[in-house]
PDB file of N, CA and C in Angstrom:
ATOM      1  N   MET A   1       9.104  33.052 -62.048  1.00  0.00           N
ATOM      2  CA  MET A   1       8.623  31.969 -62.226  1.00  0.00           C
ATOM      3  C   MET A   1       8.412  30.985 -63.293  1.00  0.00           C
ATOM      4  N   THR A   2       9.095  31.105 -64.132  1.00  0.00           N
ATOM      5  CA  THR A   2       9.804  29.934 -65.040  1.00  0.00           C
ATOM      6  C   THR A   2      10.133  28.970 -64.434  1.00  0.00           C
ATOM      7  N   TRP A   3      11.503  28.818 -63.124  1.00  0.00           N
ATOM      8  CA  TRP A   3      11.254  28.063 -62.877  1.00  0.00           C
ATOM      9  C   TRP A   3      10.617  26.670 -61.951  1.00  0.00           C
ATOM     10  N   ALA A   4       9.784  27.149 -61.604  1.00  0.00           N
ATOM     11  CA  ALA A   4       8.952  26.300 -61.125  1.00  0.00           C
ATOM     12  C   ALA A   4       8.808  25.532 -61.956  1.00  0.00           C
ATOM     13  N   ALA A   5       7.423  25.197 -63.453  1.00  0.00           N
ATOM     14  CA  ALA A   5       7.973  24.226 -63.877  1.00  0.00           C
ATOM     15  C   ALA A   5       8.634  22.933 -64.944  1.00  0.00           C
ATOM     16  N   THR A   6       9.898  23.735 -64.743  1.00  0.00           N
ATOM     17  CA  THR A   6      11.540  23.126 -64.509  1.00  0.00           C
ATOM     18  C   THR A   6      11.701  22.236 -63.607  1.00  0.00           C
ATOM     19  N   ALA A   7      11.953  23.260 -62.137  1.00  0.00           N
ATOM     20  CA  ALA A   7      12.191  22.142 -61.490  1.00  0.00           C
ATOM     21  C   ALA A   7      10.650  20.973 -61.107  1.00  0.00           C
ATOM     22  N   THR A   8       9.624  21.144 -61.082  1.00  0.00           N
ATOM     23  CA  THR A   8       9.111  20.071 -61.017  1.00  0.00           C
ATOM     24  C   THR A   8       9.307  19.225 -61.383  1.00  0.00           C
ATOM     25  N   PHE A   9       9.548  19.290 -63.226  1.00  0.00           N
ATOM     26  CA  PHE A   9       9.665  18.060 -64.175  1.00  0.00           C
ATOM     27  C   PHE A   9      10.581  17.691 -63.629  1.00  0.00           C
ATOM     28  N   GLY A  10      11.011  18.569 -63.090  1.00  0.00           N
ATOM     29  CA  GLY A  10      13.081  18.338 -62.852  1.00  0.00           C
ATOM     30  C   GLY A  10      13.254  16.995 -61.417  1.00  0.00           C
ATOM     31  N   LEU A  11      12.121  16.633 -60.139  1.00  0.00           N
ATOM     32  CA  LEU A  11      11.552  16.596 -59.508  1.00  0.00           C
ATOM     33  C   LEU A  11      11.004  15.523 -59.545  1.00  0.00           C
ATOM     34  N   CYS A  12      10.049  15.295 -60.559  1.00  0.00           N
ATOM     35  CA  CYS A  12       9.011  14.206 -60.725  1.00  0.00           C
ATOM     36  C   CYS A  12      10.066  13.092 -61.931  1.00  0.00           C
ATOM     37  N   SER A  13      10.559  13.608 -62.431  1.00  0.00           N
ATOM     38  CA  SER A  13      12.364  12.626 -63.405  1.00  0.00           C
ATOM     39  C   SER A  13      12.976  12.165 -62.833  1.00  0.00           C
ATOM     40  N   VAL A  14      13.665  12.535 -61.768  1.00  0.00           N
ATOM     41  CA  VAL A  14      14.439  11.679 -60.200  1.00  0.00           C
ATOM     42  C   VAL A  14      12.816  10.666 -59.710  1.00  0.00           C
ATOM     43  N   GLY A  15      12.580  11.461 -58.731  1.00  0.00           N
ATOM     44  CA  GLY A  15      10.857  10.585 -58.952  1.00  0.00           C
ATOM     45  C   GLY A  15      10.935   9.233 -59.102  1.00  0.00           C
ATOM     46  N   VAL A  16      10.468   8.800 -60.487  1.00  0.00           N
ATOM     47  CA  VAL A  16      10.394   7.799 -61.125  1.00  0.00           C
ATOM     48  C   VAL A  16      11.619   7.238 -61.650  1.00  0.00           C
ATOM     49  N   GLY A  17      12.873   7.965 -61.365  1.00  0.00           N
ATOM     50  CA  GLY A  17      13.581   7.189 -61.299  1.00  0.00           C
ATOM     51  C   GLY A  17      14.197   6.817 -60.849  1.00  0.00           C
ATOM     52  N   ALA A  18      14.601   7.000 -59.185  1.00  0.00           N
ATOM     53  CA  ALA A  18      13.711   6.485 -57.647  1.00  0.00           C
ATOM     54  C   ALA A  18      12.364   5.363 -58.085  1.00  0.00           C
ATOM     55  N   PHE A  19      11.967   4.597 -58.702  1.00  0.00           N
ATOM     56  CA  PHE A  19      10.185   4.676 -58.356  1.00  0.00           C
ATOM     57  C   PHE A  19      11.297   3.471 -59.488  1.00  0.00           C
ATOM     58  N   ILE A  20      11.847   3.252 -60.459  1.00  0.00           N
ATOM     59  CA  ILE A  20      11.562   2.391 -61.468  1.00  0.00           C
ATOM     60  C   ILE A  20      13.003   2.094 -60.747  1.00  0.00           C
ATOM     61  N   TYR A  21      14.014   2.610 -60.127  1.00  0.00           N
ATOM     62  CA  TYR A  21      14.645   1.469 -59.611  1.00  0.00           C
ATOM     63  C   TYR A  21      14.975   0.727 -58.779  1.00  0.00           C
ATOM     64  N   VAL A  22      13.752   1.110 -57.619  1.00  0.00           N
ATOM     65  CA  VAL A  22      12.510   0.280 -56.331  1.00  0.00           C
ATOM     66  C   VAL A  22      12.827  -0.700 -56.927  1.00  0.00           C
ATOM     67  N   LEU A  23      11.894  -0.915 -58.043  1.00  0.00           N
ATOM     68  CA  LEU A  23      10.634  -1.922 -58.457  1.00  0.00           C
ATOM     69  C   LEU A  23      12.302  -3.426 -58.985  1.00  0.00           C
ATOM     70  N   ILE A  24      13.283  -2.850 -60.106  1.00  0.00           N
ATOM     71  CA  ILE A  24      13.856  -3.456 -60.623  1.00  0.00           C
ATOM     72  C   ILE A  24      14.118  -4.229 -59.775  1.00  0.00           C
ATOM     73  N   ALA A  25      14.898  -3.287 -58.330  1.00  0.00           N
ATOM     74  CA  ALA A  25      15.720  -3.754 -56.999  1.00  0.00           C
ATOM     75  C   ALA A  25      15.158  -4.865 -56.359  1.00  0.00           C
ATOM     76  N   ASN A  26      13.446  -5.148 -56.180  1.00  0.00           N
ATOM     77  CA  ASN A  26      12.893  -5.853 -56.071  1.00  0.00           C
ATOM     78  C   ASN A  26      12.353  -7.114 -57.133  1.00  0.00           C
ATOM     79  N   LEU A  27      12.524  -6.962 -58.065  1.00  0.00           N
ATOM     80  CA  LEU A  27      12.454  -8.442 -59.495  1.00  0.00           C
ATOM     81  C   LEU A  27      13.446  -9.318 -58.841  1.00  0.00           C
ATOM     82  N   GLU A  28      12.928 -10.743 -58.497  1.00  0.00           N
ATOM     83  CA  GLU A  28      12.930 -12.331 -58.217  1.00  0.00           C
ATOM     84  C   GLU A  28      12.386 -12.986 -59.788  1.00  0.00           C
ATOM     85  N   PRO A  29      13.986 -13.289 -59.832  1.00  0.00           N
ATOM     86  CA  PRO A  29      13.329 -14.368 -60.931  1.00  0.00           C
ATOM     87  C   PRO A  29      12.015 -15.073 -60.858  1.00  0.00           C
ATOM     88  N   GLN A  30      12.296 -15.653 -62.496  1.00  0.00           N
ATOM     89  CA  GLN A  30      10.525 -16.272 -61.916  1.00  0.00           C
ATOM     90  C   GLN A  30      11.277 -17.631 -62.425  1.00  0.00           C
ATOM     91  N   PRO A  31      10.301 -19.149 -61.599  1.00  0.00           N
ATOM     92  CA  PRO A  31      11.322 -20.226 -62.161  1.00  0.00           C
ATOM     93  C   PRO A  31      10.409 -20.386 -63.390  1.00  0.00           C
ATOM     94  N   GLU A  32       9.511 -19.817 -64.472  1.00  0.00           N
ATOM     95  CA  GLU A  32       9.028 -20.197 -65.905  1.00  0.00           C
ATOM     96  C   GLU A  32       9.992 -19.092 -66.351  1.00  0.00           C
ATOM     97  N   TYR A  33      10.958 -18.372 -66.202  1.00  0.00           N
ATOM     98  CA  TYR A  33      11.416 -18.047 -67.033  1.00  0.00           C
ATOM     99  C   TYR A  33      12.812 -17.668 -66.975  1.00  0.00           C
ATOM    100  N   PRO A  34      13.432 -17.834 -68.071  1.00  0.00           N
ATOM    101  CA  PRO A  34      15.221 -18.164 -68.143  1.00  0.00           C
ATOM    102  C   PRO A  34      15.790 -16.805 -67.376  1.00  0.00           C
ATOM    103  N   GLU A  35      17.406 -17.763 -66.417  1.00  0.00           N
ATOM    104  CA  GLU A  35      17.743 -16.483 -65.564  1.00  0.00           C
ATOM    105  C   GLU A  35      18.152 -15.523 -66.353  1.00  0.00           C
ATOM    106  N   LEU A  36      18.638 -15.053 -67.856  1.00  0.00           N
ATOM    107  CA  LEU A  36      19.267 -14.303 -68.902  1.00  0.00           C
ATOM    108  C   LEU A  36      17.883 -13.604 -68.769  1.00  0.00           C
ATOM    109  N   MET A  37      16.526 -14.101 -69.074  1.00  0.00           N
ATOM    110  CA  MET A  37      15.288 -12.784 -68.658  1.00  0.00           C
ATOM    111  C   MET A  37      15.510 -12.284 -67.655  1.00  0.00           C
ATOM    112  N   THR A  38      15.722 -12.556 -66.018  1.00  0.00           N
ATOM    113  CA  THR A  38      15.891 -11.356 -66.057  1.00  0.00           C
ATOM    114  C   THR A  38      16.857 -10.999 -65.292  1.00  0.00           C
ATOM    115  N   ASP A  39      17.918 -10.956 -65.632  1.00  0.00           N
ATOM    116  CA  ASP A  39      19.109 -10.108 -65.931  1.00  0.00           C
ATOM    117  C   ASP A  39      18.840  -8.984 -66.700  1.00  0.00           C
ATOM    118  N   ALA A  40      18.426  -9.388 -68.620  1.00  0.00           N
ATOM    119  CA  ALA A  40      18.628  -7.936 -68.991  1.00  0.00           C
ATOM    120  C   ALA A  40      17.752  -7.919 -69.000  1.00  0.00           C
ATOM    121  N   LEU A  41      15.798  -7.422 -67.843  1.00  0.00           N
ATOM    122  CA  LEU A  41      15.741  -7.248 -67.138  1.00  0.00           C
ATOM    123  C   LEU A  41      15.984  -5.957 -66.087  1.00  0.00           C
ATOM    124  N   ARG A  42      16.383  -6.290 -66.036  1.00  0.00           N
ATOM    125  CA  ARG A  42      17.519  -5.864 -64.735  1.00  0.00           C
ATOM    126  C   ARG A  42      18.161  -4.292 -65.163  1.00  0.00           C
ATOM    127  N   LEU A  43      18.713  -5.100 -66.452  1.00  0.00           N
ATOM    128  CA  LEU A  43      19.873  -3.804 -67.306  1.00  0.00           C
ATOM    129  C   LEU A  43      19.547  -3.094 -67.909  1.00  0.00           C
ATOM    130  N   ILE A  44      17.896  -2.965 -68.161  1.00  0.00           N
ATOM    131  CA  ILE A  44      17.331  -2.099 -69.175  1.00  0.00           C
ATOM    132  C   ILE A  44      16.821  -1.114 -68.161  1.00  0.00           C
ATOM    133  N   GLY A  45      15.860  -1.849 -66.981  1.00  0.00           N
ATOM    134  CA  GLY A  45      15.278  -1.168 -66.062  1.00  0.00           C
ATOM    135  C   GLY A  45      17.027   0.128 -65.575  1.00  0.00           C
ATOM    136  N   LEU A  46      17.565  -0.622 -64.621  1.00  0.00           N
ATOM    137  CA  LEU A  46      18.528   0.417 -64.566  1.00  0.00           C
ATOM    138  C   LEU A  46      19.234   1.080 -65.750  1.00  0.00           C
ATOM    139  N   GLY A  47      19.831   0.527 -66.748  1.00  0.00           N
ATOM    140  CA  GLY A  47      19.289   2.081 -68.081  1.00  0.00           C
ATOM    141  C   GLY A  47      18.012   3.318 -68.122  1.00  0.00           C
ATOM    142  N   ILE A  48      17.304   2.539 -67.374  1.00  0.00           N
ATOM    143  CA  ILE A  48      15.980   3.312 -67.874  1.00  0.00           C
ATOM    144  C   ILE A  48      16.325   3.900 -66.524  1.00  0.00           C
ATOM    145  N   ALA A  49      16.419   3.490 -65.128  1.00  0.00           N
ATOM    146  CA  ALA A  49      16.796   4.647 -63.916  1.00  0.00           C
ATOM    147  C   ALA A  49      17.175   5.595 -63.956  1.00  0.00           C
ATOM    148  N   LEU A  50      18.924   5.441 -64.466  1.00  0.00           N
ATOM    149  CA  LEU A  50      19.523   6.875 -64.351  1.00  0.00           C
ATOM    150  C   LEU A  50      19.663   7.956 -65.242  1.00  0.00           C
ATOM    151  N   ALA A  51      18.627   6.925 -66.959  1.00  0.00           N
ATOM    152  CA  ALA A  51      19.144   8.471 -67.428  1.00  0.00           C
ATOM    153  C   ALA A  51      17.693   9.144 -67.083  1.00  0.00           C
ATOM    154  N   ALA A  52      16.942   8.444 -66.397  1.00  0.00           N
ATOM    155  CA  ALA A  52      15.647   9.084 -65.459  1.00  0.00           C
ATOM    156  C   ALA A  52      16.032  10.182 -64.367  1.00  0.00           C
ATOM    157  N   VAL A  53      16.923   9.025 -64.117  1.00  0.00           N
ATOM    158  CA  VAL A  53      17.737  10.359 -62.691  1.00  0.00           C
ATOM    159  C   VAL A  53      18.983  11.770 -63.064  1.00  0.00           C
ATOM    160  N   ALA A  54      19.191  11.224 -64.389  1.00  0.00           N
ATOM    161  CA  ALA A  54      19.899  12.243 -64.378  1.00  0.00           C
ATOM    162  C   ALA A  54      19.403  13.033 -66.169  1.00  0.00           C
ATOM    163  N   ILE A  55      17.836  12.939 -66.529  1.00  0.00           N
ATOM    164  CA  ILE A  55      17.001  14.212 -67.050  1.00  0.00           C
ATOM    165  C   ILE A  55      17.201  14.760 -65.633  1.00  0.00           C
ATOM    166  N   GLY A  56      16.648  14.541 -64.882  1.00  0.00           N
ATOM    167  CA  GLY A  56      16.090  15.764 -63.305  1.00  0.00           C
ATOM    168  C   GLY A  56      16.586  16.370 -63.253  1.00  0.00           C
ATOM    169  N   ILE A  57      18.479  15.551 -62.453  1.00  0.00           N
ATOM    170  CA  ILE A  57      19.720  16.408 -62.716  1.00  0.00           C
ATOM    171  C   ILE A  57      19.445  17.250 -63.165  1.00  0.00           C
ATOM    172  N   VAL A  58      19.585  17.651 -64.845  1.00  0.00           N
ATOM    173  CA  VAL A  58      19.874  18.754 -65.909  1.00  0.00           C
ATOM    174  C   VAL A  58      18.499  18.964 -65.541  1.00  0.00           C
ATOM    175  N   PHE A  59      17.676  18.623 -65.853  1.00  0.00           N
ATOM    176  CA  PHE A  59      16.571  19.944 -65.265  1.00  0.00           C
ATOM    177  C   PHE A  59      16.775  20.643 -64.112  1.00  0.00           C
ATOM    178  N   LEU A  60      16.470  20.020 -62.781  1.00  0.00           N
ATOM    179  CA  LEU A  60      16.492  20.754 -61.769  1.00  0.00           C
ATOM    180  C   LEU A  60      17.867  22.092 -61.253  1.00  0.00           C
ATOM    181  N   TRP A  61      18.838  21.394 -62.167  1.00  0.00           N
ATOM    182  CA  TRP A  61      20.176  22.030 -62.333  1.00  0.00           C
ATOM    183  C   TRP A  61      19.442  23.947 -63.587  1.00  0.00           C
ATOM    184  N   SER A  62      19.713  23.088 -64.102  1.00  0.00           N
ATOM    185  CA  SER A  62      18.798  24.430 -65.316  1.00  0.00           C
ATOM    186  C   SER A  62      17.297  25.423 -64.452  1.00  0.00           C
ATOM    187  N   ALA A  63      16.931  24.598 -63.578  1.00  0.00           N
ATOM    188  CA  ALA A  63      16.183  25.683 -62.506  1.00  0.00           C
ATOM    189  C   ALA A  63      16.415  26.688 -61.684  1.00  0.00           C
ATOM    190  N   GLY A  64      17.781  25.836 -61.261  1.00  0.00           N
ATOM    191  CA  GLY A  64      17.979  26.679 -60.456  1.00  0.00           C
ATOM    192  C   GLY A  64      19.193  27.540 -60.835  1.00  0.00           C
ATOM    193  N   GLN A  65      19.988  27.916 -61.918  1.00  0.00           N
ATOM    194  CA  GLN A  65      20.196  28.028 -62.961  1.00  0.00           C
ATOM    195  C   GLN A  65      19.555  29.923 -62.963  1.00  0.00           C
ATOM    196  N   ALA A  66      17.894  29.686 -64.100  1.00  0.00           N
ATOM    197  CA  ALA A  66      16.893  30.465 -64.204  1.00  0.00           C
ATOM    198  C   ALA A  66      16.614  30.824 -63.058  1.00  0.00           C
ATOM    199  N   TYR A  67      16.961  29.787 -61.902  1.00  0.00           N
ATOM    200  CA  TYR A  67      16.301  30.652 -60.929  1.00  0.00           C
ATOM    201  C   TYR A  67      16.602  32.105 -59.965  1.00  0.00           C
ATOM    202  N   ALA A  68      18.331  31.567 -60.213  1.00  0.00           N
ATOM    203  CA  ALA A  68      20.101  32.648 -59.490  1.00  0.00           C
ATOM    204  C   ALA A  68      19.503  34.549 -60.781  1.00  0.00           C
ATOM    205  N   TRP A  69      18.536  33.952 -61.832  1.00  0.00           N
ATOM    206  CA  TRP A  69      18.535  35.438 -62.163  1.00  0.00           C
ATOM    207  C   TRP A  69      17.684  35.673 -61.863  1.00  0.00           C
TER     208      TRP A  69
END
């Protein structure tokens, strides 16, 4: 059962990455902020979302390897 905690963390990480991606996909430019600020927030958010999904995939792969044993 040591794989269960790893799989849980992996699923949570993938979920957080998907949630962050949805947040940045719905980001709209605000008139009081420059356009560059919105683009920078989208870029930073995309980086965070991709990192969370990548970490989640690594943990899920690791849980799969532990489960196979």
